Protein backbone atom coordinates (compact mmCIF):
# COMPACT_ATOMS: atom_id res chain seq x y z
CA MET A 1 0.00 0.00 0.00
CA LEU A 2 1.33 3.45 -0.92
CA HIS A 3 0.78 5.84 1.96
CA GLU A 4 0.25 8.67 -0.53
CA GLY A 5 -3.14 7.23 -1.51
CA LEU A 6 -4.33 7.09 2.09
CA THR A 7 -2.98 10.58 2.78
CA GLU A 8 -4.84 11.96 -0.23
CA PHE A 9 -8.03 10.26 0.95
CA ILE A 10 -7.80 11.89 4.40
CA ILE A 11 -7.29 15.33 2.84
CA SER A 12 -10.17 14.87 0.37
CA TYR A 13 -12.45 13.40 3.07
CA ILE A 14 -12.01 16.46 5.28
CA ALA A 15 -12.38 18.77 2.28
CA GLY A 16 -15.65 17.05 1.37
CA ARG A 17 -17.04 17.52 4.87
CA ARG A 18 -15.93 21.16 4.81
CA GLN A 19 -17.75 21.75 1.52
CA VAL A 20 -20.97 20.27 2.89
CA LYS A 21 -20.78 22.58 5.90
CA LEU A 22 -19.97 25.60 3.72
CA ASP A 23 -22.86 24.88 1.36
CA SER A 24 -25.22 24.66 4.33
CA PHE A 25 -23.72 27.85 5.82
CA ASP A 26 -24.10 29.78 2.54
CA LYS A 27 -27.70 28.64 2.19
CA ASP A 28 -28.47 29.80 5.72
CA THR A 29 -26.58 33.09 5.07
CA ALA A 30 -28.83 33.94 2.13
CA LYS A 31 -31.90 33.55 4.34
CA ARG A 32 -30.38 35.71 7.11
CA LEU A 33 -29.42 38.52 4.71
CA SER A 34 -32.84 38.57 3.11
CA ALA A 35 -34.47 39.01 6.52
CA VAL A 36 -32.60 42.24 7.56
CA THR A 37 -32.87 45.88 6.49
CA GLU A 38 -30.26 47.65 4.37
CA GLY A 39 -28.99 49.45 7.46
CA GLU A 40 -28.41 46.21 9.36
CA ARG A 41 -26.86 44.41 6.40
CA PRO A 42 -23.21 45.69 6.62
CA GLU A 43 -22.83 44.64 10.27
CA LEU A 44 -24.36 41.23 9.55
CA GLU A 45 -22.08 40.71 6.55
CA VAL A 46 -19.02 41.33 8.73
CA LYS A 47 -20.30 38.83 11.28
CA ILE A 48 -21.06 36.27 8.56
CA SER A 49 -17.59 36.72 7.05
CA GLN A 50 -15.97 36.10 10.43
CA ASP A 51 -18.13 33.01 11.04
CA ARG A 52 -17.29 31.63 7.61
CA CYS A 53 -13.58 32.12 8.18
CA GLU A 54 -13.90 30.36 11.53
CA LEU A 55 -15.75 27.47 9.86
CA GLU A 56 -13.05 27.16 7.20
CA ARG A 57 -10.37 27.25 9.89
CA ARG A 58 -12.06 24.41 11.81
CA TYR A 59 -12.07 22.30 8.66
CA GLU A 60 -8.44 22.94 7.78
CA THR A 61 -6.83 19.46 7.66
CA ARG A 62 -4.66 19.68 10.79
CA ALA A 63 -7.30 21.52 12.84
CA TRP A 64 -9.99 18.98 11.94
CA LEU A 65 -7.72 16.02 12.75
CA THR A 66 -6.87 17.54 16.13
CA ASP A 67 -10.55 18.02 16.93
CA ALA A 68 -11.38 14.52 15.65
CA ALA A 69 -8.64 13.00 17.83
CA LYS A 70 -10.24 14.65 20.87
CA ARG A 71 -13.70 13.37 19.88
CA ALA A 72 -12.52 9.84 19.07
CA GLU A 73 -13.07 8.70 22.66
CA GLN A 74 -16.81 9.20 22.07
CA ILE A 75 -16.89 6.14 19.79
CA SER A 76 -15.59 2.58 19.94
CA LEU A 77 -14.66 0.36 17.02
CA VAL A 78 -16.09 -3.07 17.78
CA THR A 79 -17.20 -6.38 16.32
CA HIS A 80 -19.85 -7.09 18.99
CA ALA A 81 -22.14 -4.22 19.98
CA ALA A 82 -24.19 -4.07 23.18
CA LYS A 83 -27.07 -1.90 21.97
CA TYR A 84 -28.46 -4.66 19.75
CA THR A 85 -29.71 -6.26 22.96
CA HIS A 86 -31.34 -3.03 24.16
CA GLY A 87 -31.01 0.50 22.78
CA ASP A 88 -30.45 1.96 26.26
CA SER A 89 -27.94 -0.63 27.41
CA LYS A 90 -24.74 0.81 28.88
CA SER A 91 -22.95 -2.52 28.68
CA SER A 92 -19.49 -2.67 27.10
CA SER A 93 -19.09 -3.52 23.44
CA ILE A 94 -15.97 -5.41 22.36
CA PHE A 95 -13.58 -5.77 19.45
CA SER A 96 -12.54 -9.36 18.78
CA ASN A 97 -9.94 -10.26 16.16
CA MET A 98 -9.50 -13.88 17.28
CA GLY A 99 -9.45 -16.11 14.22
CA VAL A 100 -10.34 -19.70 15.12
CA ASN A 101 -11.94 -22.18 12.75
CA ASP A 102 -13.56 -24.66 15.13
CA GLY A 103 -16.23 -25.89 12.73
CA TYR A 104 -18.92 -23.47 13.88
CA LEU A 105 -20.16 -20.40 12.02
CA SER A 106 -19.11 -17.46 14.17
CA THR A 107 -17.25 -14.15 13.99
CA SER A 108 -13.94 -15.99 14.43
CA THR A 109 -14.45 -17.83 11.12
CA LEU A 110 -14.58 -14.58 9.14
CA ILE A 111 -11.32 -13.93 7.30
CA LYS A 112 -11.71 -10.17 7.53
CA PRO A 113 -14.64 -9.21 9.79
CA ALA A 114 -16.23 -5.80 9.20
CA VAL A 115 -15.54 -3.36 12.03
CA ASP A 116 -18.54 -1.57 13.50
CA ALA A 117 -18.66 1.73 15.38
CA VAL A 118 -20.76 2.52 18.44
CA GLY A 119 -21.11 5.57 20.66
CA ASN A 120 -22.07 9.16 19.91
CA ALA A 121 -23.77 9.19 16.50
CA ALA A 122 -22.44 12.72 15.93
CA ALA A 123 -18.89 11.33 16.01
CA LEU A 124 -19.42 8.55 13.46
CA ASP A 125 -17.63 10.70 10.86
CA ILE A 126 -14.42 9.73 12.68
CA ALA A 127 -15.27 6.05 12.33
CA LYS A 128 -15.67 6.47 8.57
CA LEU A 129 -12.29 8.21 8.38
CA LEU A 130 -10.63 5.36 10.28
CA GLN A 131 -12.35 2.49 8.48
CA THR A 132 -12.40 3.52 4.81
CA GLU A 133 -10.03 1.32 2.82
CA ILE A 134 -7.82 2.69 0.05
CA ASP A 135 -6.01 0.02 -1.99
CA GLY A 136 -6.63 -2.52 0.77
CA ASP A 137 -5.37 -0.39 3.67
CA SER A 138 -6.99 2.00 6.11
CA LEU A 139 -6.05 4.39 8.87
CA LEU A 140 -7.51 1.89 11.34
CA SER A 141 -5.20 -0.85 10.06
CA CYS A 142 -2.24 1.51 10.28
CA LEU A 143 -3.01 2.31 13.91
CA GLN A 144 -3.48 -1.37 14.76
CA ARG A 145 -0.06 -2.31 13.42
CA GLY A 146 1.68 0.78 14.80
CA ASP A 147 2.33 2.40 11.43
CA TYR A 148 1.94 6.17 11.92
CA LEU A 149 3.60 7.38 8.71
CA VAL A 150 0.32 8.63 7.22
CA LEU A 151 -0.41 10.86 10.20
CA LYS A 152 3.22 11.96 10.38
CA GLU A 153 3.05 13.27 6.81
CA LEU A 154 0.08 15.45 7.78
CA SER A 155 1.26 16.61 11.22
CA GLU A 156 3.07 19.84 11.91
CA ASN A 157 5.37 18.47 14.60
CA ASP A 158 5.95 15.42 16.82
CA GLU A 159 3.78 16.82 19.60
CA GLN A 160 0.80 17.10 17.28
CA LEU A 161 1.47 13.62 15.91
CA ALA A 162 1.50 12.14 19.43
CA LEU A 163 -1.79 13.91 20.20
CA TRP A 164 -3.44 12.39 17.11
CA ILE A 165 -2.11 8.88 17.77
CA GLN A 166 -3.22 8.95 21.39
CA GLY A 167 -6.65 10.37 20.52
CA PHE A 168 -7.51 8.03 17.63
CA SER A 169 -6.19 5.01 19.54
CA ARG A 170 -8.89 5.61 22.17
CA ALA A 171 -11.46 4.40 19.62
CA LEU A 172 -9.65 1.04 19.56
CA THR A 173 -9.56 0.44 23.29
CA THR A 174 -12.35 -0.55 25.64
CA THR A 175 -12.34 0.72 29.20
CA GLN A 176 -12.93 -1.67 32.09
CA PRO A 177 -15.57 -4.11 30.73
CA MET A 178 -18.91 -3.79 32.45
CA SER A 179 -22.37 -5.22 32.17
CA HIS A 180 -25.70 -3.43 32.62
CA LYS A 181 -29.17 -4.21 33.87
CA LEU A 182 -30.52 -4.06 30.29
CA ALA A 183 -27.90 -6.48 28.94
CA LYS A 184 -28.37 -10.21 28.57
CA GLN A 185 -26.69 -11.86 31.54
CA VAL A 186 -25.96 -15.48 32.38
CA TYR A 187 -24.61 -16.31 35.83
CA VAL A 188 -22.56 -19.52 35.92
CA PRO A 189 -21.79 -21.05 39.35
CA VAL A 190 -18.02 -21.36 39.92
CA GLY A 191 -17.06 -22.64 43.37
CA ASP A 192 -18.60 -20.37 45.99
CA SER A 193 -19.09 -17.55 43.49
CA TYR A 194 -20.31 -16.90 39.96
CA HIS A 195 -18.94 -15.98 36.57
CA LEU A 196 -21.06 -13.48 34.70
CA LEU A 197 -21.42 -14.14 30.98
CA ASN A 198 -22.64 -11.22 28.88
CA PRO A 199 -23.68 -12.53 25.40
CA LEU A 200 -23.24 -9.85 22.73
CA PHE A 201 -24.67 -9.57 19.22
CA SER A 202 -22.06 -9.93 16.46
CA SER A 203 -22.60 -7.00 14.13
CA SER A 204 -19.63 -8.18 12.04
CA LEU A 205 -21.26 -11.56 11.39
CA ALA A 206 -24.60 -9.87 10.62
CA GLN A 207 -22.78 -7.62 8.12
CA ALA A 208 -21.11 -10.59 6.41
CA LEU A 209 -24.49 -12.32 6.08
CA HIS A 210 -26.09 -9.09 4.84
CA GLN A 211 -23.46 -8.62 2.12
CA ARG A 212 -23.75 -12.25 1.06
CA ILE A 213 -27.54 -12.11 0.76
CA ILE A 214 -27.45 -8.77 -1.07
CA ALA A 215 -24.99 -10.21 -3.61
CA LEU A 216 -27.04 -13.37 -4.14
CA ARG A 217 -30.36 -11.55 -4.45
CA PHE A 218 -29.64 -8.22 -6.14
CA SER A 219 -26.26 -8.32 -7.92
CA GLU A 220 -26.06 -8.15 -11.71
CA ASP A 221 -24.91 -11.80 -11.83
CA SER A 222 -27.90 -12.83 -9.73
CA LYS A 223 -30.27 -10.88 -11.98
CA ALA A 224 -28.87 -12.74 -14.98
CA VAL A 225 -29.59 -16.10 -13.30
CA TRP A 226 -33.16 -15.03 -12.48
CA THR A 227 -33.64 -13.87 -16.09
CA ALA A 228 -32.43 -17.26 -17.38
CA ARG A 229 -34.84 -19.02 -15.04
CA ARG A 230 -37.74 -16.87 -16.19
CA ASP A 231 -36.86 -17.52 -19.84
CA LYS A 232 -36.33 -21.24 -19.11
CA LYS A 233 -32.72 -21.12 -20.27
CA TRP A 234 -29.59 -22.74 -18.84
CA HIS A 235 -27.14 -20.66 -16.83
CA ALA A 236 -23.72 -21.68 -15.50
CA ASP A 237 -24.31 -20.18 -12.05
CA PRO A 238 -26.72 -21.69 -9.52
CA LEU A 239 -29.87 -19.88 -8.45
CA VAL A 240 -29.75 -19.34 -4.69
CA ILE A 241 -33.06 -18.85 -2.85
CA PHE A 242 -33.54 -18.23 0.88
CA PRO A 243 -36.94 -19.71 1.84
CA GLN A 244 -38.84 -18.53 4.91
CA MET A 245 -36.40 -15.73 5.67
CA ALA A 246 -37.37 -13.22 8.37
CA VAL A 247 -36.24 -9.65 9.11
CA MET A 248 -35.43 -8.15 12.51
CA ASN A 249 -35.19 -4.38 12.85
CA PHE A 250 -32.95 -2.55 15.33
CA GLY A 251 -33.12 1.11 16.29
CA GLY A 252 -36.53 2.01 14.88
CA THR A 253 -36.37 5.33 13.00
CA LYS A 254 -32.83 5.99 14.28
CA PRO A 255 -30.75 2.91 13.41
CA GLN A 256 -27.56 5.01 13.77
CA ASN A 257 -28.12 5.06 17.53
CA ILE A 258 -27.39 1.32 17.60
CA SER A 259 -24.24 1.29 15.47
CA ALA A 260 -22.74 2.53 12.22
CA LEU A 261 -23.14 -0.80 10.40
CA ASN A 262 -26.72 -1.07 11.63
CA SER A 263 -27.35 2.32 10.05
CA SER A 264 -25.78 1.20 6.76
CA ARG A 265 -28.14 -1.80 6.75
CA GLY A 266 -31.15 0.41 7.40
CA GLY A 267 -31.57 -1.28 10.78
CA ARG A 268 -32.32 -4.63 9.11
CA VAL A 269 -30.82 -7.98 10.07
CA TRP A 270 -31.94 -11.00 8.06
CA LEU A 271 -32.69 -14.24 9.87
CA LEU A 272 -32.46 -17.57 8.06
CA SER A 273 -34.94 -20.30 8.87
CA SER A 274 -33.67 -22.73 11.51
CA ALA A 275 -36.72 -24.98 11.46
CA SER A 276 -35.88 -28.67 11.38
CA PRO A 277 -36.57 -30.48 8.09
CA GLN A 278 -39.83 -32.38 7.80
CA TRP A 279 -38.86 -35.90 6.84
CA GLU A 280 -41.33 -38.47 5.58
CA THR A 281 -40.53 -41.51 7.72
CA GLN A 282 -41.45 -45.13 7.11
CA ASP A 283 -43.48 -47.09 9.64
CA LYS A 284 -41.88 -50.45 8.87
CA PRO A 285 -38.62 -51.67 7.30
CA PRO A 286 -38.60 -51.88 3.48
CA VAL A 287 -38.43 -55.68 3.30
CA ALA A 288 -39.80 -55.76 -0.27
CA LEU A 289 -37.16 -53.30 -1.53
CA LYS A 290 -34.78 -54.85 -4.08
CA THR A 291 -32.45 -51.86 -4.36
CA LEU A 292 -32.42 -48.36 -2.94
CA PHE A 293 -31.74 -47.14 -6.48
CA GLY A 294 -34.98 -48.47 -7.98
CA GLN A 295 -38.50 -47.09 -7.92
CA GLY A 296 -39.00 -45.61 -4.48
CA PRO A 297 -38.25 -42.65 -2.21
CA TYR A 298 -34.85 -41.84 -3.73
CA GLU A 299 -36.23 -41.73 -7.28
CA ARG A 300 -39.00 -39.37 -6.15
CA ALA A 301 -36.69 -37.14 -4.09
CA THR A 302 -34.28 -36.57 -6.97
CA ARG A 303 -36.64 -36.16 -9.91
CA MET A 304 -36.19 -32.38 -10.29
CA LEU A 305 -32.44 -32.57 -9.65
CA ARG A 306 -32.02 -35.16 -12.42
CA ARG A 307 -33.95 -32.97 -14.83
CA ARG A 308 -31.69 -29.99 -14.13
CA LEU A 309 -28.55 -32.11 -14.55
CA ILE A 310 -29.79 -33.56 -17.84
CA GLN A 311 -30.81 -30.09 -19.09
CA LEU A 312 -27.32 -28.82 -18.28
CA LEU A 313 -25.56 -31.65 -20.13
CA VAL A 314 -27.91 -31.52 -23.13
CA SER A 315 -27.56 -27.74 -23.54
CA ALA A 316 -23.76 -27.97 -23.12
CA GLY A 317 -23.49 -30.37 -26.06
CA GLU A 318 -19.85 -31.11 -26.84
CA SER A 319 -18.65 -28.26 -24.60
CA ASN A 320 -16.84 -29.35 -21.47
CA ASN A 321 -15.34 -26.22 -19.94
CA TYR A 322 -14.61 -25.61 -16.27
CA ALA A 323 -17.89 -23.80 -15.55
CA ILE A 324 -19.96 -26.68 -16.95
CA ARG A 325 -17.96 -29.31 -15.05
CA GLN A 326 -18.27 -27.31 -11.85
CA GLN A 327 -22.05 -26.98 -12.20
CA ARG A 328 -22.34 -30.67 -13.12
CA ASP A 329 -20.47 -31.64 -9.95
CA ARG A 330 -22.75 -29.36 -7.89
CA TYR A 331 -25.82 -31.17 -9.22
CA ILE A 332 -24.28 -34.59 -8.52
CA ASP A 333 -23.45 -33.51 -4.96
CA GLU A 334 -27.09 -32.47 -4.59
CA LEU A 335 -28.10 -35.98 -5.73
CA ILE A 336 -25.83 -37.56 -3.10
CA ASP A 337 -27.23 -35.68 -0.08
CA PRO A 338 -30.84 -37.03 -0.24
CA LEU A 339 -29.47 -40.56 -0.81
CA PHE A 340 -27.76 -40.55 2.58
CA ASN A 341 -30.72 -38.86 4.25
CA ILE A 342 -32.97 -41.70 3.09
CA ALA A 343 -30.36 -44.31 4.04
CA ALA A 344 -30.06 -42.82 7.53
CA ASP A 345 -33.85 -43.07 7.93
CA ILE A 346 -33.68 -46.80 7.17
CA GLN A 347 -30.68 -47.48 9.46
CA ARG A 348 -32.75 -47.60 12.65
CA ARG A 349 -31.80 -49.45 15.82
CA GLU A 350 -35.35 -50.65 16.36
CA TRP A 351 -35.21 -52.36 12.95
CA ALA A 352 -31.98 -54.25 13.74
CA GLY A 353 -31.87 -57.49 11.76
CA TRP A 354 -34.71 -56.69 9.38
CA THR A 355 -32.60 -57.89 6.42
CA ALA A 356 -32.48 -61.39 7.93
CA ASP A 357 -36.19 -61.77 7.15
CA GLU A 358 -36.67 -64.44 4.48
CA LYS A 359 -38.90 -62.03 2.57
CA CYS A 360 -36.06 -59.48 2.21
CA GLN A 361 -35.09 -59.09 -1.45
CA LEU A 362 -32.47 -56.35 -1.01
CA LYS A 363 -29.07 -56.81 -2.65
CA HIS A 364 -26.64 -58.29 -0.15
CA HIS A 365 -24.13 -55.43 -0.20
CA GLN A 366 -26.98 -52.95 0.36
CA GLN A 367 -28.13 -55.10 3.30
CA LEU A 368 -24.68 -54.59 4.83
CA TRP A 369 -25.10 -50.85 4.31
CA LEU A 370 -28.70 -50.31 5.42
CA ASP A 371 -28.93 -52.72 8.37
CA PRO A 372 -25.82 -51.88 10.43
CA TRP A 373 -27.34 -52.88 13.81
CA ARG A 374 -27.74 -56.49 12.69
CA ALA A 375 -23.96 -56.75 13.13
CA LYS A 376 -24.33 -56.63 16.94
CA ASN A 377 -26.04 -60.06 17.06
CA ASP A 378 -24.86 -61.68 13.80
CA GLU A 379 -21.11 -62.41 13.86
CA ALA A 380 -20.89 -63.53 10.22
CA PHE A 381 -22.72 -60.36 9.13
CA PHE A 382 -20.39 -58.29 11.34
CA ASN A 383 -17.22 -59.82 9.84
CA GLU A 384 -18.46 -59.33 6.30
CA ARG A 385 -19.47 -55.75 7.02
CA GLU A 386 -16.10 -54.92 8.59
CA LYS A 387 -14.27 -55.86 5.37
CA GLY A 388 -15.79 -52.77 3.74
CA ASP A 389 -15.99 -54.26 0.22
CA TRP A 390 -19.70 -53.42 0.15
CA GLN A 391 -18.89 -49.69 0.14
CA VAL A 392 -17.34 -49.87 -3.35
CA MET A 393 -20.35 -51.83 -4.59
CA VAL A 394 -22.80 -49.25 -3.17
CA ALA A 395 -20.86 -46.46 -4.90
CA ASP A 396 -21.01 -48.47 -8.13
CA ASP A 397 -24.78 -48.86 -7.73
CA PHE A 398 -25.06 -45.08 -7.56
CA ALA A 399 -22.88 -44.67 -10.67
CA LEU A 400 -24.92 -47.22 -12.65
CA TRP A 401 -28.17 -45.63 -11.54
CA LEU A 402 -27.02 -42.18 -12.67
CA ASN A 403 -25.68 -43.48 -15.98
CA SER A 404 -28.98 -45.25 -16.69
CA HIS A 405 -30.92 -41.97 -16.33
CA LEU A 406 -28.43 -40.15 -18.56
CA HIS A 407 -28.72 -42.94 -21.17
CA ARG A 408 -32.49 -42.47 -21.23
CA ALA A 409 -31.90 -38.81 -22.09
CA GLU A 410 -29.74 -40.03 -25.04
CA LEU A 411 -26.54 -38.72 -23.51
CA ARG A 412 -23.37 -40.59 -24.41
CA VAL A 413 -21.96 -41.90 -21.12
CA GLY A 414 -19.94 -45.02 -20.43
CA GLN A 415 -17.21 -46.50 -18.25
CA THR A 416 -15.34 -43.18 -17.91
CA GLU A 417 -18.39 -41.41 -16.48
CA ARG A 418 -19.22 -44.46 -14.35
CA ARG A 419 -15.81 -44.26 -12.68
CA GLU A 420 -16.28 -40.49 -12.26
CA TRP A 421 -19.60 -40.86 -10.42
CA GLN A 422 -18.32 -43.84 -8.41
CA THR A 423 -15.41 -41.85 -6.99
CA GLN A 424 -17.24 -38.61 -6.13
CA PRO A 425 -15.47 -37.10 -3.05
CA LEU A 426 -18.76 -36.18 -1.37
CA PHE A 427 -20.06 -39.77 -1.68
CA LYS A 428 -16.95 -41.11 0.07
CA ARG A 429 -17.13 -38.45 2.76
CA ARG A 430 -20.82 -39.02 3.50
CA LEU A 431 -20.28 -42.77 3.68
CA HIS A 432 -17.31 -42.33 6.02
CA GLU A 433 -19.22 -39.91 8.28
CA MET A 434 -22.17 -42.29 8.44
CA GLU A 435 -19.97 -45.23 9.41
CA GLN A 436 -18.15 -43.19 12.05
CA ALA A 437 -21.47 -42.19 13.64
CA ILE A 438 -22.69 -45.80 13.64
CA ARG A 439 -19.48 -47.05 15.27
CA ARG A 440 -19.69 -44.42 18.00
CA CYS A 441 -23.28 -45.38 18.79
CA ARG A 442 -22.47 -49.10 18.65
CA ASP A 443 -19.58 -48.71 21.12
CA GLU A 444 -21.69 -46.83 23.69
């Protein structure tokens, strides 16, 4: 990053704010002059000239930065803001830059979390100055890494530079953390005392979700996908829809009183549905089933997915570029997920041994897959299942099933495609995860 670009931004940012103030001042001046007599006008013009000079002086670069450094303590740059819990909460907000990928979606999983600003809404202009990125760098980032060259170039002397650094740094520090009666509080017993947990809303995570949804719903690329869907044409990119999404509003008519990012979102935070899926369960084991890949629940669950895959391959013709292969693999992954959902519904403990019924017509390797609890009481079944050969055969069943549907659509597929479907990474991973879960439950 060249510091010159950031320096120029700071100068132009202050100049822009000065121009807004001057335009407002000049507009107000015209009204004041029109409301006085000719005799009063000269004295008023002198006063107006003095006030305008004072306004320009306050918005001179060094003077404005000095004033902003003094006001910086009125705001805090944070990732988790307290006022989302209650607008009048005086609880501490915090800035967390801990990056930990522990498998859960949280602020720590964000590569570069957006920084929010809370405090006096009249001082949020300072937050914008600190946060705005120029060529990937910002004044905030400079302060965090101890790089003060940008401010040094603008300062008159070392004393002024120290004043600016100290002042702006106050926006990065939180005083002694404290809770408040309007904050969410959880008291956890520890020995003879308690630990107080104060859950805070992650504005950074809400911002990341907001940006993602905006891009998927309203970007030009998204509009092109919707247009292709309306015209019943193929498109390389998937159409992403968020069903049953809700909106929560913070701050009412003054979202800026909650935080700067809340204001930029218009006070809206989107909530994705967390309702559990409604599965259609069977009342008795599928003894009459010959194969999971025949007529049955899996065929019905994947009908629309197969149509989309076939439409993609038919419209692609002889083309086989990266975008087509990527979309093809997405569709195949979507075919794999419901397969293992249906298999998991059949693998019930209360049905243990159902494949030993003389009426069972299921292929033997699929019996080993779909009746894992039979292995607890059938040693021969257990030994055969532990070999794991059945897993390759199940994957081959999936590949043959998919090829048969593609053949019906007059697509030219053969052994090469069969091996491709048989070795899909997601299929192996789902099968491995399923077996790990079964072993854990069996060992309990």
